[in-house]
Amino acid sequence: ELKPNGGEPKNYADLFIKEVDRLGIR
């Protein structure tokens, strides 16, 4: 569960997808 807390940048989704790909869990 992704819980945006108000401090996220505009490219939050991109950053998370990048992390998911880095961890190999897409």
mmCIF file of all heavy atoms, coordinates in Angstrom:
data_MODEL
# 
_entry.id   MODEL 
# 
loop_
_atom_site.group_PDB 
_atom_site.id 
_atom_site.type_symbol 
_atom_site.label_atom_id 
_atom_site.label_alt_id 
_atom_site.label_comp_id 
_atom_site.label_asym_id 
_atom_site.label_entity_id 
_atom_site.label_seq_id 
_atom_site.pdbx_PDB_ins_code 
_atom_site.Cartn_x 
_atom_site.Cartn_y 
_atom_site.Cartn_z 
_atom_site.occupancy 
_atom_site.B_iso_or_equiv 
_atom_site.pdbx_formal_charge 
_atom_site.auth_seq_id 
_atom_site.auth_comp_id 
_atom_site.auth_asym_id 
_atom_site.auth_atom_id 
_atom_site.pdbx_PDB_model_num 
ATOM 1   N N   . GLU A 1 1  ? 0.843  -1.194 0.000   1.00 0.00 ? 1  GLU A N   1 
ATOM 2   C CA  . GLU A 1 1  ? 0.000  0.000  0.000   1.00 0.00 ? 1  GLU A CA  1 
ATOM 3   C C   . GLU A 1 1  ? 0.879  1.245  0.000   1.00 0.00 ? 1  GLU A C   1 
ATOM 4   O O   . GLU A 1 1  ? 1.652  1.482  0.935   1.00 0.00 ? 1  GLU A O   1 
ATOM 5   C CB  . GLU A 1 1  ? -0.941 0.056  1.194   1.00 0.00 ? 1  GLU A CB  1 
ATOM 6   C CG  . GLU A 1 1  ? -1.801 1.315  1.159   1.00 0.00 ? 1  GLU A CG  1 
ATOM 7   C CD  . GLU A 1 1  ? -2.913 1.367  2.187   1.00 0.00 ? 1  GLU A CD  1 
ATOM 8   O OE1 . GLU A 1 1  ? -3.053 0.400  2.959   1.00 0.00 ? 1  GLU A OE1 1 
ATOM 9   O OE2 . GLU A 1 1  ? -3.636 2.386  2.217   1.00 0.00 ? 1  GLU A OE2 1 
ATOM 10  N N   . LEU A 1 2  ? 0.748  2.042  -1.035  1.00 0.00 ? 2  LEU A N   1 
ATOM 11  C CA  . LEU A 1 2  ? 1.448  3.323  -1.108  1.00 0.00 ? 2  LEU A CA  1 
ATOM 12  C C   . LEU A 1 2  ? 0.641  4.369  -0.354  1.00 0.00 ? 2  LEU A C   1 
ATOM 13  O O   . LEU A 1 2  ? -0.550 4.546  -0.613  1.00 0.00 ? 2  LEU A O   1 
ATOM 14  C CB  . LEU A 1 2  ? 1.623  3.742  -2.565  1.00 0.00 ? 2  LEU A CB  1 
ATOM 15  C CG  . LEU A 1 2  ? 2.637  2.932  -3.377  1.00 0.00 ? 2  LEU A CG  1 
ATOM 16  C CD1 . LEU A 1 2  ? 2.597  3.354  -4.832  1.00 0.00 ? 2  LEU A CD1 1 
ATOM 17  C CD2 . LEU A 1 2  ? 4.028  3.105  -2.808  1.00 0.00 ? 2  LEU A CD2 1 
ATOM 18  N N   . LYS A 1 3  ? 1.307  5.066  0.550   1.00 0.00 ? 3  LYS A N   1 
ATOM 19  C CA  . LYS A 1 3  ? 0.631  6.047  1.386   1.00 0.00 ? 3  LYS A CA  1 
ATOM 20  C C   . LYS A 1 3  ? 1.256  7.433  1.172   1.00 0.00 ? 3  LYS A C   1 
ATOM 21  O O   . LYS A 1 3  ? 2.169  7.828  1.915   1.00 0.00 ? 3  LYS A O   1 
ATOM 22  C CB  . LYS A 1 3  ? 0.708  5.645  2.859   1.00 0.00 ? 3  LYS A CB  1 
ATOM 23  C CG  . LYS A 1 3  ? 0.009  4.311  3.165   1.00 0.00 ? 3  LYS A CG  1 
ATOM 24  C CD  . LYS A 1 3  ? -0.006 4.003  4.643   1.00 0.00 ? 3  LYS A CD  1 
ATOM 25  C CE  . LYS A 1 3  ? -0.898 4.932  5.429   1.00 0.00 ? 3  LYS A CE  1 
ATOM 26  N NZ  . LYS A 1 3  ? -2.331 4.788  5.071   1.00 0.00 ? 3  LYS A NZ  1 
ATOM 27  N N   . PRO A 1 4  ? 0.799  8.169  0.167   1.00 0.00 ? 4  PRO A N   1 
ATOM 28  C CA  . PRO A 1 4  ? 1.303  9.526  -0.034  1.00 0.00 ? 4  PRO A CA  1 
ATOM 29  C C   . PRO A 1 4  ? 1.079  10.372 1.216   1.00 0.00 ? 4  PRO A C   1 
ATOM 30  O O   . PRO A 1 4  ? -0.021 10.391 1.769   1.00 0.00 ? 4  PRO A O   1 
ATOM 31  C CB  . PRO A 1 4  ? 0.462  10.039 -1.217  1.00 0.00 ? 4  PRO A CB  1 
ATOM 32  C CG  . PRO A 1 4  ? 0.017  8.795  -1.927  1.00 0.00 ? 4  PRO A CG  1 
ATOM 33  C CD  . PRO A 1 4  ? -0.197 7.779  -0.852  1.00 0.00 ? 4  PRO A CD  1 
ATOM 34  N N   . ASN A 1 5  ? 2.129  11.039 1.686   1.00 0.00 ? 5  ASN A N   1 
ATOM 35  C CA  . ASN A 1 5  ? 2.041  11.798 2.934   1.00 0.00 ? 5  ASN A CA  1 
ATOM 36  C C   . ASN A 1 5  ? 2.124  13.312 2.752   1.00 0.00 ? 5  ASN A C   1 
ATOM 37  O O   . ASN A 1 5  ? 2.215  14.055 3.724   1.00 0.00 ? 5  ASN A O   1 
ATOM 38  C CB  . ASN A 1 5  ? 3.128  11.329 3.912   1.00 0.00 ? 5  ASN A CB  1 
ATOM 39  C CG  . ASN A 1 5  ? 4.527  11.400 3.300   1.00 0.00 ? 5  ASN A CG  1 
ATOM 40  O OD1 . ASN A 1 5  ? 4.810  12.236 2.443   1.00 0.00 ? 5  ASN A OD1 1 
ATOM 41  N ND2 . ASN A 1 5  ? 5.404  10.503 3.740   1.00 0.00 ? 5  ASN A ND2 1 
ATOM 42  N N   . GLY A 1 6  ? 2.102  13.753 1.496   1.00 0.00 ? 6  GLY A N   1 
ATOM 43  C CA  . GLY A 1 6  ? 2.121  15.189 1.235   1.00 0.00 ? 6  GLY A CA  1 
ATOM 44  C C   . GLY A 1 6  ? 3.492  15.741 0.909   1.00 0.00 ? 6  GLY A C   1 
ATOM 45  O O   . GLY A 1 6  ? 3.617  16.902 0.517   1.00 0.00 ? 6  GLY A O   1 
ATOM 46  N N   . GLY A 1 7  ? 4.515  14.921 1.053   1.00 0.00 ? 7  GLY A N   1 
ATOM 47  C CA  . GLY A 1 7  ? 5.864  15.397 0.776   1.00 0.00 ? 7  GLY A CA  1 
ATOM 48  C C   . GLY A 1 7  ? 6.425  14.898 -0.540  1.00 0.00 ? 7  GLY A C   1 
ATOM 49  O O   . GLY A 1 7  ? 7.605  15.105 -0.833  1.00 0.00 ? 7  GLY A O   1 
ATOM 50  N N   . GLU A 1 8  ? 5.592  14.256 -1.339  1.00 0.00 ? 8  GLU A N   1 
ATOM 51  C CA  . GLU A 1 8  ? 6.080  13.626 -2.570  1.00 0.00 ? 8  GLU A CA  1 
ATOM 52  C C   . GLU A 1 8  ? 6.312  14.649 -3.685  1.00 0.00 ? 8  GLU A C   1 
ATOM 53  O O   . GLU A 1 8  ? 5.548  15.610 -3.823  1.00 0.00 ? 8  GLU A O   1 
ATOM 54  C CB  . GLU A 1 8  ? 5.071  12.585 -3.066  1.00 0.00 ? 8  GLU A CB  1 
ATOM 55  C CG  . GLU A 1 8  ? 4.875  11.415 -2.123  1.00 0.00 ? 8  GLU A CG  1 
ATOM 56  C CD  . GLU A 1 8  ? 3.958  11.742 -0.955  1.00 0.00 ? 8  GLU A CD  1 
ATOM 57  O OE1 . GLU A 1 8  ? 3.204  12.724 -1.042  1.00 0.00 ? 8  GLU A OE1 1 
ATOM 58  O OE2 . GLU A 1 8  ? 4.000  11.006 0.046   1.00 0.00 ? 8  GLU A OE2 1 
ATOM 59  N N   . PRO A 1 9  ? 7.330  14.416 -4.516  1.00 0.00 ? 9  PRO A N   1 
ATOM 60  C CA  . PRO A 1 9  ? 7.544  15.262 -5.697  1.00 0.00 ? 9  PRO A CA  1 
ATOM 61  C C   . PRO A 1 9  ? 6.546  14.901 -6.790  1.00 0.00 ? 9  PRO A C   1 
ATOM 62  O O   . PRO A 1 9  ? 5.836  13.894 -6.699  1.00 0.00 ? 9  PRO A O   1 
ATOM 63  C CB  . PRO A 1 9  ? 8.969  14.914 -6.110  1.00 0.00 ? 9  PRO A CB  1 
ATOM 64  C CG  . PRO A 1 9  ? 9.127  13.486 -5.683  1.00 0.00 ? 9  PRO A CG  1 
ATOM 65  C CD  . PRO A 1 9  ? 8.361  13.371 -4.383  1.00 0.00 ? 9  PRO A CD  1 
ATOM 66  N N   . LYS A 1 10 ? 6.499  15.685 -7.828  1.00 0.00 ? 10 LYS A N   1 
ATOM 67  C CA  . LYS A 1 10 ? 5.551  15.446 -8.909  1.00 0.00 ? 10 LYS A CA  1 
ATOM 68  C C   . LYS A 1 10 ? 5.826  14.128 -9.640  1.00 0.00 ? 10 LYS A C   1 
ATOM 69  O O   . LYS A 1 10 ? 4.915  13.538 -10.216 1.00 0.00 ? 10 LYS A O   1 
ATOM 70  C CB  . LYS A 1 10 ? 5.582  16.614 -9.897  1.00 0.00 ? 10 LYS A CB  1 
ATOM 71  C CG  . LYS A 1 10 ? 5.005  17.920 -9.337  1.00 0.00 ? 10 LYS A CG  1 
ATOM 72  C CD  . LYS A 1 10 ? 4.994  19.018 -10.375 1.00 0.00 ? 10 LYS A CD  1 
ATOM 73  C CE  . LYS A 1 10 ? 4.369  20.292 -9.811  1.00 0.00 ? 10 LYS A CE  1 
ATOM 74  N NZ  . LYS A 1 10 ? 4.361  21.400 -10.810 1.00 0.00 ? 10 LYS A NZ  1 
ATOM 75  N N   . ASN A 1 11 ? 7.061  13.704 -9.624  1.00 0.00 ? 11 ASN A N   1 
ATOM 76  C CA  . ASN A 1 11 ? 7.419  12.459 -10.314 1.00 0.00 ? 11 ASN A CA  1 
ATOM 77  C C   . ASN A 1 11 ? 7.420  11.260 -9.363  1.00 0.00 ? 11 ASN A C   1 
ATOM 78  O O   . ASN A 1 11 ? 8.166  10.298 -9.552  1.00 0.00 ? 11 ASN A O   1 
ATOM 79  C CB  . ASN A 1 11 ? 8.770  12.595 -11.002 1.00 0.00 ? 11 ASN A CB  1 
ATOM 80  C CG  . ASN A 1 11 ? 9.916  12.796 -10.023 1.00 0.00 ? 11 ASN A CG  1 
ATOM 81  O OD1 . ASN A 1 11 ? 9.712  13.268 -8.906  1.00 0.00 ? 11 ASN A OD1 1 
ATOM 82  N ND2 . ASN A 1 11 ? 11.134 12.456 -10.438 1.00 0.00 ? 11 ASN A ND2 1 
ATOM 83  N N   . TYR A 1 12 ? 6.584  11.324 -8.338  1.00 0.00 ? 12 TYR A N   1 
ATOM 84  C CA  . TYR A 1 12 ? 6.504  10.252 -7.333  1.00 0.00 ? 12 TYR A CA  1 
ATOM 85  C C   . TYR A 1 12 ? 6.257  8.888  -7.971  1.00 0.00 ? 12 TYR A C   1 
ATOM 86  O O   . TYR A 1 12 ? 6.928  7.910  -7.646  1.00 0.00 ? 12 TYR A O   1 
ATOM 87  C CB  . TYR A 1 12 ? 5.387  10.595 -6.344  1.00 0.00 ? 12 TYR A CB  1 
ATOM 88  C CG  . TYR A 1 12 ? 5.100  9.543  -5.295  1.00 0.00 ? 12 TYR A CG  1 
ATOM 89  C CD1 . TYR A 1 12 ? 6.084  9.066  -4.454  1.00 0.00 ? 12 TYR A CD1 1 
ATOM 90  C CD2 . TYR A 1 12 ? 3.806  9.035  -5.136  1.00 0.00 ? 12 TYR A CD2 1 
ATOM 91  C CE1 . TYR A 1 12 ? 5.808  8.119  -3.476  1.00 0.00 ? 12 TYR A CE1 1 
ATOM 92  C CE2 . TYR A 1 12 ? 3.515  8.092  -4.164  1.00 0.00 ? 12 TYR A CE2 1 
ATOM 93  C CZ  . TYR A 1 12 ? 4.523  7.625  -3.340  1.00 0.00 ? 12 TYR A CZ  1 
ATOM 94  O OH  . TYR A 1 12 ? 4.249  6.689  -2.382  1.00 0.00 ? 12 TYR A OH  1 
ATOM 95  N N   . ALA A 1 13 ? 5.305  8.824  -8.870  1.00 0.00 ? 13 ALA A N   1 
ATOM 96  C CA  . ALA A 1 13 ? 4.990  7.545  -9.517  1.00 0.00 ? 13 ALA A CA  1 
ATOM 97  C C   . ALA A 1 13 ? 6.205  7.003  -10.259 1.00 0.00 ? 13 ALA A C   1 
ATOM 98  O O   . ALA A 1 13 ? 6.508  5.801  -10.193 1.00 0.00 ? 13 ALA A O   1 
ATOM 99  C CB  . ALA A 1 13 ? 3.810  7.711  -10.472 1.00 0.00 ? 13 ALA A CB  1 
ATOM 100 N N   . ASP A 1 14 ? 6.909  7.875  -10.962 1.00 0.00 ? 14 ASP A N   1 
ATOM 101 C CA  . ASP A 1 14 ? 8.100  7.448  -11.700 1.00 0.00 ? 14 ASP A CA  1 
ATOM 102 C C   . ASP A 1 14 ? 9.175  6.922  -10.753 1.00 0.00 ? 14 ASP A C   1 
ATOM 103 O O   . ASP A 1 14 ? 9.840  5.919  -11.053 1.00 0.00 ? 14 ASP A O   1 
ATOM 104 C CB  . ASP A 1 14 ? 8.662  8.611  -12.520 1.00 0.00 ? 14 ASP A CB  1 
ATOM 105 C CG  . ASP A 1 14 ? 7.704  9.089  -13.588 1.00 0.00 ? 14 ASP A CG  1 
ATOM 106 O OD1 . ASP A 1 14 ? 7.202  8.238  -14.353 1.00 0.00 ? 14 ASP A OD1 1 
ATOM 107 O OD2 . ASP A 1 14 ? 7.440  10.295 -13.654 1.00 0.00 ? 14 ASP A OD2 1 
ATOM 108 N N   . LEU A 1 15 ? 9.359  7.610  -9.632  1.00 0.00 ? 15 LEU A N   1 
ATOM 109 C CA  . LEU A 1 15 ? 10.368 7.187  -8.657  1.00 0.00 ? 15 LEU A CA  1 
ATOM 110 C C   . LEU A 1 15 ? 10.026 5.821  -8.068  1.00 0.00 ? 15 LEU A C   1 
ATOM 111 O O   . LEU A 1 15 ? 10.919 4.993  -7.855  1.00 0.00 ? 15 LEU A O   1 
ATOM 112 C CB  . LEU A 1 15 ? 10.505 8.232  -7.553  1.00 0.00 ? 15 LEU A CB  1 
ATOM 113 C CG  . LEU A 1 15 ? 11.115 9.570  -7.966  1.00 0.00 ? 15 LEU A CG  1 
ATOM 114 C CD1 . LEU A 1 15 ? 11.063 10.561 -6.804  1.00 0.00 ? 15 LEU A CD1 1 
ATOM 115 C CD2 . LEU A 1 15 ? 12.563 9.384  -8.431  1.00 0.00 ? 15 LEU A CD2 1 
ATOM 116 N N   . PHE A 1 16 ? 8.738  5.604  -7.806  1.00 0.00 ? 16 PHE A N   1 
ATOM 117 C CA  . PHE A 1 16 ? 8.357  4.322  -7.238  1.00 0.00 ? 16 PHE A CA  1 
ATOM 118 C C   . PHE A 1 16 ? 8.518  3.204  -8.258  1.00 0.00 ? 16 PHE A C   1 
ATOM 119 O O   . PHE A 1 16 ? 9.024  2.126  -7.933  1.00 0.00 ? 16 PHE A O   1 
ATOM 120 C CB  . PHE A 1 16 ? 6.927  4.352  -6.715  1.00 0.00 ? 16 PHE A CB  1 
ATOM 121 C CG  . PHE A 1 16 ? 6.535  3.068  -6.041  1.00 0.00 ? 16 PHE A CG  1 
ATOM 122 C CD1 . PHE A 1 16 ? 7.087  2.715  -4.816  1.00 0.00 ? 16 PHE A CD1 1 
ATOM 123 C CD2 . PHE A 1 16 ? 5.653  2.184  -6.641  1.00 0.00 ? 16 PHE A CD2 1 
ATOM 124 C CE1 . PHE A 1 16 ? 6.761  1.512  -4.203  1.00 0.00 ? 16 PHE A CE1 1 
ATOM 125 C CE2 . PHE A 1 16 ? 5.318  0.978  -6.037  1.00 0.00 ? 16 PHE A CE2 1 
ATOM 126 C CZ  . PHE A 1 16 ? 5.873  0.648  -4.816  1.00 0.00 ? 16 PHE A CZ  1 
ATOM 127 N N   . ILE A 1 17 ? 8.105  3.446  -9.487  1.00 0.00 ? 17 ILE A N   1 
ATOM 128 C CA  . ILE A 1 17 ? 8.267  2.438  -10.535 1.00 0.00 ? 17 ILE A CA  1 
ATOM 129 C C   . ILE A 1 17 ? 9.749  2.109  -10.723 1.00 0.00 ? 17 ILE A C   1 
ATOM 130 O O   . ILE A 1 17 ? 10.128 0.931  -10.878 1.00 0.00 ? 17 ILE A O   1 
ATOM 131 C CB  . ILE A 1 17 ? 7.652  2.932  -11.859 1.00 0.00 ? 17 ILE A CB  1 
ATOM 132 C CG1 . ILE A 1 17 ? 6.134  3.054  -11.727 1.00 0.00 ? 17 ILE A CG1 1 
ATOM 133 C CG2 . ILE A 1 17 ? 8.010  1.981  -13.009 1.00 0.00 ? 17 ILE A CG2 1 
ATOM 134 C CD1 . ILE A 1 17 ? 5.465  3.754  -12.885 1.00 0.00 ? 17 ILE A CD1 1 
ATOM 135 N N   . LYS A 1 18 ? 10.592 3.130  -10.669 1.00 0.00 ? 18 LYS A N   1 
ATOM 136 C CA  . LYS A 1 18 ? 12.034 2.921  -10.797 1.00 0.00 ? 18 LYS A CA  1 
ATOM 137 C C   . LYS A 1 18 ? 12.548 2.030  -9.671  1.00 0.00 ? 18 LYS A C   1 
ATOM 138 O O   . LYS A 1 18 ? 13.365 1.136  -9.896  1.00 0.00 ? 18 LYS A O   1 
ATOM 139 C CB  . LYS A 1 18 ? 12.758 4.268  -10.782 1.00 0.00 ? 18 LYS A CB  1 
ATOM 140 C CG  . LYS A 1 18 ? 14.262 4.165  -10.959 1.00 0.00 ? 18 LYS A CG  1 
ATOM 141 C CD  . LYS A 1 18 ? 14.916 5.553  -10.972 1.00 0.00 ? 18 LYS A CD  1 
ATOM 142 C CE  . LYS A 1 18 ? 16.429 5.435  -11.130 1.00 0.00 ? 18 LYS A CE  1 
ATOM 143 N NZ  . LYS A 1 18 ? 17.076 6.784  -11.137 1.00 0.00 ? 18 LYS A NZ  1 
ATOM 144 N N   . GLU A 1 19 ? 12.061 2.265  -8.440  1.00 0.00 ? 19 GLU A N   1 
ATOM 145 C CA  . GLU A 1 19 ? 12.474 1.445  -7.305  1.00 0.00 ? 19 GLU A CA  1 
ATOM 146 C C   . GLU A 1 19 ? 11.980 0.014  -7.451  1.00 0.00 ? 19 GLU A C   1 
ATOM 147 O O   . GLU A 1 19 ? 12.703 -0.950 -7.155  1.00 0.00 ? 19 GLU A O   1 
ATOM 148 C CB  . GLU A 1 19 ? 11.963 2.065  -6.000  1.00 0.00 ? 19 GLU A CB  1 
ATOM 149 C CG  . GLU A 1 19 ? 12.344 1.319  -4.739  1.00 0.00 ? 19 GLU A CG  1 
ATOM 150 C CD  . GLU A 1 19 ? 13.816 1.388  -4.396  1.00 0.00 ? 19 GLU A CD  1 
ATOM 151 O OE1 . GLU A 1 19 ? 14.613 1.953  -5.191  1.00 0.00 ? 19 GLU A OE1 1 
ATOM 152 O OE2 . GLU A 1 19 ? 14.200 0.868  -3.336  1.00 0.00 ? 19 GLU A OE2 1 
ATOM 153 N N   . VAL A 1 20 ? 10.755 -0.128 -7.895  1.00 0.00 ? 20 VAL A N   1 
ATOM 154 C CA  . VAL A 1 20 ? 10.184 -1.459 -8.130  1.00 0.00 ? 20 VAL A CA  1 
ATOM 155 C C   . VAL A 1 20 ? 11.027 -2.225 -9.155  1.00 0.00 ? 20 VAL A C   1 
ATOM 156 O O   . VAL A 1 20 ? 11.321 -3.413 -8.971  1.00 0.00 ? 20 VAL A O   1 
ATOM 157 C CB  . VAL A 1 20 ? 8.722  -1.329 -8.607  1.00 0.00 ? 20 VAL A CB  1 
ATOM 158 C CG1 . VAL A 1 20 ? 8.238  -2.601 -9.285  1.00 0.00 ? 20 VAL A CG1 1 
ATOM 159 C CG2 . VAL A 1 20 ? 7.815  -0.982 -7.431  1.00 0.00 ? 20 VAL A CG2 1 
ATOM 160 N N   . ASP A 1 21 ? 11.430 -1.549 -10.209 1.00 0.00 ? 21 ASP A N   1 
ATOM 161 C CA  . ASP A 1 21 ? 12.245 -2.201 -11.230 1.00 0.00 ? 21 ASP A CA  1 
ATOM 162 C C   . ASP A 1 21 ? 13.641 -2.527 -10.700 1.00 0.00 ? 21 ASP A C   1 
ATOM 163 O O   . ASP A 1 21 ? 14.218 -3.576 -11.036 1.00 0.00 ? 21 ASP A O   1 
ATOM 164 C CB  . ASP A 1 21 ? 12.339 -1.314 -12.466 1.00 0.00 ? 21 ASP A CB  1 
ATOM 165 C CG  . ASP A 1 21 ? 11.039 -1.291 -13.273 1.00 0.00 ? 21 ASP A CG  1 
ATOM 166 O OD1 . ASP A 1 21 ? 10.211 -2.202 -13.075 1.00 0.00 ? 21 ASP A OD1 1 
ATOM 167 O OD2 . ASP A 1 21 ? 10.865 -0.371 -14.089 1.00 0.00 ? 21 ASP A OD2 1 
ATOM 168 N N   . ARG A 1 22 ? 14.187 -1.655 -9.883  1.00 0.00 ? 22 ARG A N   1 
ATOM 169 C CA  . ARG A 1 22 ? 15.505 -1.913 -9.301  1.00 0.00 ? 22 ARG A CA  1 
ATOM 170 C C   . ARG A 1 22 ? 15.480 -3.168 -8.431  1.00 0.00 ? 22 ARG A C   1 
ATOM 171 O O   . ARG A 1 22 ? 16.432 -3.952 -8.407  1.00 0.00 ? 22 ARG A O   1 
ATOM 172 C CB  . ARG A 1 22 ? 15.964 -0.709 -8.476  1.00 0.00 ? 22 ARG A CB  1 
ATOM 173 C CG  . ARG A 1 22 ? 17.389 -0.826 -7.933  1.00 0.00 ? 22 ARG A CG  1 
ATOM 174 C CD  . ARG A 1 22 ? 17.790 0.421  -7.174  1.00 0.00 ? 22 ARG A CD  1 
ATOM 175 N NE  . ARG A 1 22 ? 17.166 0.473  -5.868  1.00 0.00 ? 22 ARG A NE  1 
ATOM 176 C CZ  . ARG A 1 22 ? 17.635 -0.145 -4.780  1.00 0.00 ? 22 ARG A CZ  1 
ATOM 177 N NH1 . ARG A 1 22 ? 18.741 -0.887 -4.855  1.00 0.00 ? 22 ARG A NH1 1 
ATOM 178 N NH2 . ARG A 1 22 ? 17.019 -0.032 -3.625  1.00 0.00 ? 22 ARG A NH2 1 
ATOM 179 N N   . LEU A 1 23 ? 14.343 -3.346 -7.730  1.00 0.00 ? 23 LEU A N   1 
ATOM 180 C CA  . LEU A 1 23 ? 14.198 -4.504 -6.853  1.00 0.00 ? 23 LEU A CA  1 
ATOM 181 C C   . LEU A 1 23 ? 13.679 -5.740 -7.591  1.00 0.00 ? 23 LEU A C   1 
ATOM 182 O O   . LEU A 1 23 ? 13.602 -6.823 -7.014  1.00 0.00 ? 23 LEU A O   1 
ATOM 183 C CB  . LEU A 1 23 ? 13.255 -4.151 -5.696  1.00 0.00 ? 23 LEU A CB  1 
ATOM 184 C CG  . LEU A 1 23 ? 13.735 -3.028 -4.772  1.00 0.00 ? 23 LEU A CG  1 
ATOM 185 C CD1 . LEU A 1 23 ? 12.647 -2.678 -3.753  1.00 0.00 ? 23 LEU A CD1 1 
ATOM 186 C CD2 . LEU A 1 23 ? 15.022 -3.417 -4.060  1.00 0.00 ? 23 LEU A CD2 1 
ATOM 187 N N   . GLY A 1 24 ? 13.292 -5.549 -8.860  1.00 0.00 ? 24 GLY A N   1 
ATOM 188 C CA  . GLY A 1 24 ? 12.843 -6.679 -9.673  1.00 0.00 ? 24 GLY A CA  1 
ATOM 189 C C   . GLY A 1 24 ? 11.502 -7.239 -9.265  1.00 0.00 ? 24 GLY A C   1 
ATOM 190 O O   . GLY A 1 24 ? 11.289 -8.458 -9.292  1.00 0.00 ? 24 GLY A O   1 
ATOM 191 N N   . ILE A 1 25 ? 10.557 -6.352 -8.918  1.00 0.00 ? 25 ILE A N   1 
ATOM 192 C CA  . ILE A 1 25 ? 9.265  -6.831 -8.409  1.00 0.00 ? 25 ILE A CA  1 
ATOM 193 C C   . ILE A 1 25 ? 8.080  -6.221 -9.157  1.00 0.00 ? 25 ILE A C   1 
ATOM 194 O O   . ILE A 1 25 ? 6.995  -6.083 -8.612  1.00 0.00 ? 25 ILE A O   1 
ATOM 195 C CB  . ILE A 1 25 ? 9.129  -6.545 -6.892  1.00 0.00 ? 25 ILE A CB  1 
ATOM 196 C CG1 . ILE A 1 25 ? 9.383  -5.050 -6.598  1.00 0.00 ? 25 ILE A CG1 1 
ATOM 197 C CG2 . ILE A 1 25 ? 10.086 -7.421 -6.095  1.00 0.00 ? 25 ILE A CG2 1 
ATOM 198 C CD1 . ILE A 1 25 ? 9.099  -4.657 -5.169  1.00 0.00 ? 25 ILE A CD1 1 
ATOM 199 N N   . ARG A 1 26 ? 8.264  -5.875 -10.387 1.00 0.00 ? 26 ARG A N   1 
ATOM 200 C CA  . ARG A 1 26 ? 7.172  -5.243 -11.142 1.00 0.00 ? 26 ARG A CA  1 
ATOM 201 C C   . ARG A 1 26 ? 5.970  -6.169 -11.275 1.00 0.00 ? 26 ARG A C   1 
ATOM 202 O O   . ARG A 1 26 ? 4.825  -5.743 -11.138 1.00 0.00 ? 26 ARG A O   1 
ATOM 203 C CB  . ARG A 1 26 ? 7.664  -4.829 -12.531 1.00 0.00 ? 26 ARG A CB  1 
ATOM 204 C CG  . ARG A 1 26 ? 6.596  -4.101 -13.345 1.00 0.00 ? 26 ARG A CG  1 
ATOM 205 C CD  . ARG A 1 26 ? 7.091  -3.672 -14.724 1.00 0.00 ? 26 ARG A CD  1 
ATOM 206 N NE  . ARG A 1 26 ? 7.857  -2.437 -14.670 1.00 0.00 ? 26 ARG A NE  1 
ATOM 207 C CZ  . ARG A 1 26 ? 7.792  -1.483 -15.601 1.00 0.00 ? 26 ARG A CZ  1 
ATOM 208 N NH1 . ARG A 1 26 ? 6.984  -1.623 -16.636 1.00 0.00 ? 26 ARG A NH1 1 
ATOM 209 N NH2 . ARG A 1 26 ? 8.519  -0.404 -15.503 1.00 0.00 ? 26 ARG A NH2 1 
# 
